[in-house]
Amino acid sequence: MRTYGRITNAEGNLQWVEVTTDANGRNDNVWLTTLAQNLKLNIGESPFYANNGIPQYQTIVTQVFPDFYVMQIQSQFSQYFPSLIITKNQTPAPNYNVRVMTSYGVVLPITIPV
């Protein structure tokens, strides 16, 4: 299984990297990358998965976090992890705090900026 994610390289430029199944056959990194992309994706933006993402433009206009859509994303990805919790954080900048337990039993706290 594979997906692609963007990172900032040493020179400060954004580049796409391939994320694949690890040597032990676990897909934790693939699903974490896809989860992060879904939280940053505007609903209807993906040509393949039109129902994925959150309504970012409406969120900006109304200044209301899209809790319903975040809950949908959490329930969609919870099947891939023993534990997955997504919470919103409004200060200092809007972001999502993701706390996930991997299939190895490691708990990872991740902050995903909106």
N, C-alpha and C. Protein backbone atom coordinates (compact mmCIF):
# COMPACT_ATOMS: atom_id res chain seq x y z
N MET A 1 0.85 -1.16 0.00
CA MET A 1 0.00 0.00 0.00
C MET A 1 0.90 1.23 0.00
N ARG A 2 0.46 2.28 -0.66
CA ARG A 2 1.26 3.50 -0.66
C ARG A 2 0.38 4.73 -0.80
N THR A 3 0.95 5.84 -0.37
CA THR A 3 0.33 7.14 -0.54
C THR A 3 1.46 8.15 -0.68
N TYR A 4 1.14 9.37 -0.95
CA TYR A 4 2.15 10.42 -1.07
C TYR A 4 1.83 11.54 -0.11
N GLY A 5 2.86 12.11 0.49
CA GLY A 5 2.69 13.22 1.41
C GLY A 5 3.73 14.28 1.12
N ARG A 6 3.42 15.52 1.48
CA ARG A 6 4.36 16.62 1.25
C ARG A 6 5.13 16.91 2.52
N ILE A 7 6.42 17.12 2.37
CA ILE A 7 7.28 17.50 3.48
C ILE A 7 8.08 18.72 3.07
N THR A 8 8.67 19.38 4.05
CA THR A 8 9.58 20.48 3.79
C THR A 8 10.99 19.92 3.88
N ASN A 9 11.75 20.01 2.79
CA ASN A 9 13.10 19.46 2.80
C ASN A 9 14.08 20.41 3.48
N ALA A 10 15.35 20.06 3.51
CA ALA A 10 16.37 20.83 4.23
C ALA A 10 16.51 22.26 3.69
N GLU A 11 16.22 22.46 2.42
CA GLU A 11 16.32 23.80 1.82
C GLU A 11 15.07 24.63 2.05
N GLY A 12 14.05 24.05 2.66
CA GLY A 12 12.81 24.78 2.94
C GLY A 12 11.78 24.66 1.85
N ASN A 13 12.03 23.83 0.85
CA ASN A 13 11.10 23.64 -0.25
C ASN A 13 10.16 22.47 0.04
N LEU A 14 8.93 22.59 -0.44
CA LEU A 14 7.99 21.49 -0.29
C LEU A 14 8.24 20.46 -1.37
N GLN A 15 8.21 19.19 -0.98
CA GLN A 15 8.36 18.13 -1.97
C GLN A 15 7.48 16.95 -1.58
N TRP A 16 7.08 16.19 -2.60
CA TRP A 16 6.25 15.02 -2.38
C TRP A 16 7.14 13.81 -2.13
N VAL A 17 6.77 12.99 -1.14
CA VAL A 17 7.49 11.76 -0.85
C VAL A 17 6.49 10.61 -0.81
N GLU A 18 6.97 9.44 -1.19
CA GLU A 18 6.14 8.25 -1.17
C GLU A 18 6.19 7.62 0.22
N VAL A 19 5.04 7.26 0.76
CA VAL A 19 4.94 6.59 2.05
C VAL A 19 4.34 5.22 1.77
N THR A 20 5.06 4.16 2.17
CA THR A 20 4.63 2.81 1.85
C THR A 20 4.53 1.94 3.11
N THR A 21 4.04 0.74 2.92
CA THR A 21 3.96 -0.25 3.99
C THR A 21 5.37 -0.51 4.53
N ASP A 22 5.51 -0.63 5.86
CA ASP A 22 6.85 -0.85 6.43
C ASP A 22 7.31 -2.30 6.23
N ALA A 23 8.51 -2.60 6.64
CA ALA A 23 9.11 -3.92 6.43
C ALA A 23 8.34 -5.04 7.13
N ASN A 24 7.60 -4.72 8.18
CA ASN A 24 6.82 -5.73 8.90
C ASN A 24 5.39 -5.86 8.38
N GLY A 25 5.06 -5.16 7.30
CA GLY A 25 3.74 -5.26 6.70
C GLY A 25 2.68 -4.40 7.35
N ARG A 26 3.08 -3.42 8.14
CA ARG A 26 2.12 -2.54 8.81
C ARG A 26 1.95 -1.24 8.00
N ASN A 27 0.74 -0.72 8.00
CA ASN A 27 0.42 0.47 7.21
C ASN A 27 0.16 1.70 8.05
N ASP A 28 0.67 1.75 9.26
CA ASP A 28 0.41 2.89 10.15
C ASP A 28 0.81 4.22 9.51
N ASN A 29 2.00 4.28 8.93
CA ASN A 29 2.47 5.54 8.33
C ASN A 29 1.63 5.94 7.12
N VAL A 30 1.18 4.96 6.36
CA VAL A 30 0.34 5.25 5.21
C VAL A 30 -0.97 5.88 5.67
N TRP A 31 -1.60 5.27 6.68
CA TRP A 31 -2.89 5.78 7.16
C TRP A 31 -2.75 7.12 7.88
N LEU A 32 -1.64 7.32 8.60
CA LEU A 32 -1.42 8.62 9.26
C LEU A 32 -1.24 9.73 8.23
N THR A 33 -0.51 9.44 7.17
CA THR A 33 -0.32 10.43 6.10
C THR A 33 -1.65 10.74 5.42
N THR A 34 -2.43 9.72 5.15
CA THR A 34 -3.74 9.93 4.52
C THR A 34 -4.68 10.69 5.44
N LEU A 35 -4.64 10.40 6.73
CA LEU A 35 -5.45 11.13 7.71
C LEU A 35 -5.09 12.62 7.71
N ALA A 36 -3.81 12.92 7.73
CA ALA A 36 -3.36 14.32 7.72
C ALA A 36 -3.82 15.02 6.45
N GLN A 37 -3.74 14.34 5.34
CA GLN A 37 -4.18 14.94 4.07
C GLN A 37 -5.68 15.19 4.08
N ASN A 38 -6.45 14.29 4.66
CA ASN A 38 -7.90 14.48 4.73
C ASN A 38 -8.27 15.66 5.60
N LEU A 39 -7.53 15.90 6.68
CA LEU A 39 -7.81 17.05 7.54
C LEU A 39 -7.44 18.37 6.85
N LYS A 40 -6.55 18.32 5.89
CA LYS A 40 -6.16 19.53 5.16
C LYS A 40 -6.93 19.70 3.85
N LEU A 41 -7.65 18.66 3.44
CA LEU A 41 -8.34 18.65 2.16
C LEU A 41 -9.67 19.37 2.26
N ASN A 42 -9.98 20.16 1.26
CA ASN A 42 -11.30 20.80 1.19
C ASN A 42 -12.28 19.79 0.62
N ILE A 43 -13.47 19.75 1.15
CA ILE A 43 -14.45 18.76 0.70
C ILE A 43 -14.73 18.98 -0.79
N GLY A 44 -14.75 17.89 -1.55
CA GLY A 44 -14.97 17.96 -2.99
C GLY A 44 -13.71 18.28 -3.78
N GLU A 45 -12.58 18.44 -3.13
CA GLU A 45 -11.34 18.81 -3.81
C GLU A 45 -10.66 17.61 -4.48
N SER A 46 -10.79 16.43 -3.90
CA SER A 46 -10.16 15.24 -4.45
C SER A 46 -10.95 14.74 -5.66
N PRO A 47 -10.26 14.46 -6.77
CA PRO A 47 -10.98 13.93 -7.94
C PRO A 47 -11.40 12.47 -7.74
N PHE A 48 -10.83 11.78 -6.77
CA PHE A 48 -11.13 10.38 -6.55
C PHE A 48 -12.11 10.16 -5.39
N TYR A 49 -11.98 10.98 -4.34
CA TYR A 49 -12.78 10.81 -3.13
C TYR A 49 -13.47 12.14 -2.80
N ALA A 50 -14.56 12.43 -3.51
CA ALA A 50 -15.22 13.72 -3.38
C ALA A 50 -15.83 13.95 -2.00
N ASN A 51 -16.11 12.89 -1.24
CA ASN A 51 -16.72 13.06 0.07
C ASN A 51 -15.69 13.22 1.18
N ASN A 52 -14.40 13.13 0.88
CA ASN A 52 -13.36 13.30 1.89
C ASN A 52 -13.00 14.76 2.06
N GLY A 53 -12.57 15.11 3.26
CA GLY A 53 -12.15 16.48 3.55
C GLY A 53 -13.14 17.19 4.45
N ILE A 54 -12.86 18.48 4.66
CA ILE A 54 -13.73 19.31 5.48
C ILE A 54 -14.07 20.58 4.69
N PRO A 55 -15.21 21.20 4.95
CA PRO A 55 -15.60 22.41 4.21
C PRO A 55 -14.81 23.63 4.71
N GLN A 56 -13.61 23.78 4.24
CA GLN A 56 -12.71 24.83 4.76
C GLN A 56 -13.20 26.23 4.45
N TYR A 57 -13.72 26.47 3.26
CA TYR A 57 -14.15 27.82 2.90
C TYR A 57 -15.33 28.27 3.76
N GLN A 58 -16.28 27.36 3.97
CA GLN A 58 -17.41 27.70 4.82
C GLN A 58 -16.96 27.91 6.26
N THR A 59 -15.96 27.15 6.68
CA THR A 59 -15.42 27.29 8.03
C THR A 59 -14.80 28.66 8.22
N ILE A 60 -14.07 29.13 7.22
CA ILE A 60 -13.43 30.46 7.31
C ILE A 60 -14.48 31.56 7.37
N VAL A 61 -15.50 31.44 6.54
CA VAL A 61 -16.55 32.47 6.49
C VAL A 61 -17.32 32.52 7.79
N THR A 62 -17.70 31.37 8.33
CA THR A 62 -18.53 31.33 9.53
C THR A 62 -17.73 31.33 10.82
N GLN A 63 -16.41 31.08 10.73
CA GLN A 63 -15.54 31.01 11.91
C GLN A 63 -16.00 29.94 12.90
N VAL A 64 -16.57 28.85 12.36
CA VAL A 64 -17.02 27.73 13.17
C VAL A 64 -16.26 26.49 12.72
N PHE A 65 -15.64 25.79 13.69
CA PHE A 65 -14.92 24.57 13.34
C PHE A 65 -15.89 23.53 12.77
N PRO A 66 -15.48 22.78 11.77
CA PRO A 66 -16.37 21.78 11.15
C PRO A 66 -16.35 20.46 11.93
N ASP A 67 -16.88 20.49 13.15
CA ASP A 67 -16.82 19.33 14.04
C ASP A 67 -17.46 18.08 13.45
N PHE A 68 -18.56 18.24 12.75
CA PHE A 68 -19.24 17.08 12.17
C PHE A 68 -18.33 16.37 11.16
N TYR A 69 -17.67 17.12 10.31
CA TYR A 69 -16.81 16.53 9.29
C TYR A 69 -15.54 15.92 9.90
N VAL A 70 -15.03 16.53 10.94
CA VAL A 70 -13.87 15.97 11.64
C VAL A 70 -14.27 14.66 12.30
N MET A 71 -15.48 14.61 12.86
CA MET A 71 -15.97 13.37 13.46
C MET A 71 -16.10 12.27 12.41
N GLN A 72 -16.56 12.63 11.21
CA GLN A 72 -16.65 11.65 10.13
C GLN A 72 -15.27 11.12 9.75
N ILE A 73 -14.29 12.00 9.67
CA ILE A 73 -12.93 11.57 9.34
C ILE A 73 -12.39 10.67 10.43
N GLN A 74 -12.63 11.03 11.69
CA GLN A 74 -12.16 10.21 12.80
C GLN A 74 -12.79 8.82 12.74
N SER A 75 -14.07 8.74 12.49
CA SER A 75 -14.72 7.42 12.43
C SER A 75 -14.26 6.63 11.21
N GLN A 76 -13.95 7.32 10.12
CA GLN A 76 -13.47 6.66 8.91
C GLN A 76 -12.10 6.01 9.14
N PHE A 77 -11.21 6.70 9.87
CA PHE A 77 -9.85 6.21 10.06
C PHE A 77 -9.66 5.42 11.35
N SER A 78 -10.64 5.41 12.23
CA SER A 78 -10.47 4.71 13.51
C SER A 78 -10.34 3.20 13.33
N GLN A 79 -10.82 2.67 12.23
CA GLN A 79 -10.70 1.23 12.00
C GLN A 79 -9.27 0.78 11.76
N TYR A 80 -8.36 1.70 11.47
CA TYR A 80 -6.97 1.35 11.17
C TYR A 80 -6.05 1.44 12.38
N PHE A 81 -6.56 1.94 13.51
CA PHE A 81 -5.73 2.13 14.71
C PHE A 81 -6.47 1.60 15.94
N PRO A 82 -5.71 1.11 16.92
CA PRO A 82 -6.36 0.70 18.18
C PRO A 82 -7.03 1.88 18.89
N SER A 83 -6.46 3.09 18.74
CA SER A 83 -7.04 4.28 19.36
C SER A 83 -6.73 5.49 18.49
N LEU A 84 -7.74 6.31 18.25
CA LEU A 84 -7.57 7.53 17.46
C LEU A 84 -8.47 8.61 18.02
N ILE A 85 -7.87 9.73 18.43
CA ILE A 85 -8.63 10.86 18.98
C ILE A 85 -8.19 12.12 18.25
N ILE A 86 -9.14 12.86 17.70
CA ILE A 86 -8.86 14.13 17.03
C ILE A 86 -9.58 15.22 17.79
N THR A 87 -8.83 16.23 18.23
CA THR A 87 -9.42 17.37 18.94
C THR A 87 -8.97 18.65 18.26
N LYS A 88 -9.78 19.69 18.40
CA LYS A 88 -9.43 20.98 17.82
C LYS A 88 -8.68 21.82 18.83
N ASN A 89 -7.81 22.66 18.32
CA ASN A 89 -7.05 23.59 19.14
C ASN A 89 -7.09 24.93 18.42
N GLN A 90 -7.61 25.95 19.06
CA GLN A 90 -7.80 27.24 18.40
C GLN A 90 -6.69 28.24 18.67
N THR A 91 -5.80 27.94 19.60
CA THR A 91 -4.75 28.90 19.93
C THR A 91 -3.39 28.28 19.79
N PRO A 92 -2.37 28.98 19.35
CA PRO A 92 -2.40 30.33 18.79
C PRO A 92 -2.93 30.35 17.36
N ALA A 93 -2.81 29.24 16.63
CA ALA A 93 -3.37 29.16 15.28
C ALA A 93 -4.25 27.91 15.21
N PRO A 94 -5.28 27.93 14.39
CA PRO A 94 -6.15 26.76 14.31
C PRO A 94 -5.38 25.52 13.84
N ASN A 95 -5.56 24.44 14.57
CA ASN A 95 -4.96 23.16 14.18
C ASN A 95 -5.71 22.03 14.85
N TYR A 96 -5.37 20.82 14.46
CA TYR A 96 -5.97 19.64 15.06
C TYR A 96 -4.90 18.86 15.80
N ASN A 97 -5.23 18.45 17.01
CA ASN A 97 -4.35 17.58 17.77
C ASN A 97 -4.85 16.16 17.56
N VAL A 98 -3.97 15.33 17.03
CA VAL A 98 -4.30 13.93 16.77
C VAL A 98 -3.47 13.08 17.72
N ARG A 99 -4.15 12.23 18.45
CA ARG A 99 -3.46 11.29 19.35
C ARG A 99 -3.83 9.90 18.87
N VAL A 100 -2.84 9.18 18.40
CA VAL A 100 -3.08 7.88 17.79
C VAL A 100 -2.18 6.82 18.42
N MET A 101 -2.75 5.65 18.62
CA MET A 101 -1.96 4.50 19.05
C MET A 101 -1.74 3.63 17.81
N THR A 102 -0.49 3.37 17.48
CA THR A 102 -0.18 2.58 16.31
C THR A 102 -0.37 1.10 16.60
N SER A 103 -0.26 0.29 15.57
CA SER A 103 -0.39 -1.16 15.75
C SER A 103 0.78 -1.75 16.53
N TYR A 104 1.84 -0.98 16.72
CA TYR A 104 2.97 -1.40 17.56
C TYR A 104 2.75 -1.06 19.03
N GLY A 105 1.67 -0.33 19.34
CA GLY A 105 1.38 0.06 20.71
C GLY A 105 1.99 1.39 21.11
N VAL A 106 2.55 2.11 20.16
CA VAL A 106 3.17 3.41 20.43
C VAL A 106 2.11 4.50 20.29
N VAL A 107 2.04 5.39 21.28
CA VAL A 107 1.10 6.51 21.23
C VAL A 107 1.83 7.72 20.65
N LEU A 108 1.29 8.28 19.57
CA LEU A 108 1.90 9.42 18.90
C LEU A 108 1.00 10.64 19.02
N PRO A 109 1.48 11.73 19.61
CA PRO A 109 0.73 12.98 19.57
C PRO A 109 1.20 13.78 18.35
N ILE A 110 0.27 14.14 17.48
CA ILE A 110 0.59 14.84 16.24
C ILE A 110 -0.26 16.09 16.16
N THR A 111 0.34 17.21 15.76
CA THR A 111 -0.39 18.45 15.53
C THR A 111 -0.45 18.69 14.02
N ILE A 112 -1.65 18.85 13.49
CA ILE A 112 -1.85 19.08 12.07
C ILE A 112 -2.42 20.47 11.88
N PRO A 113 -1.65 21.40 11.31
CA PRO A 113 -2.18 22.75 11.07
C PRO A 113 -3.25 22.73 10.00
N VAL A 114 -4.22 23.61 10.16
CA VAL A 114 -5.32 23.69 9.19
C VAL A 114 -4.88 24.52 8.01
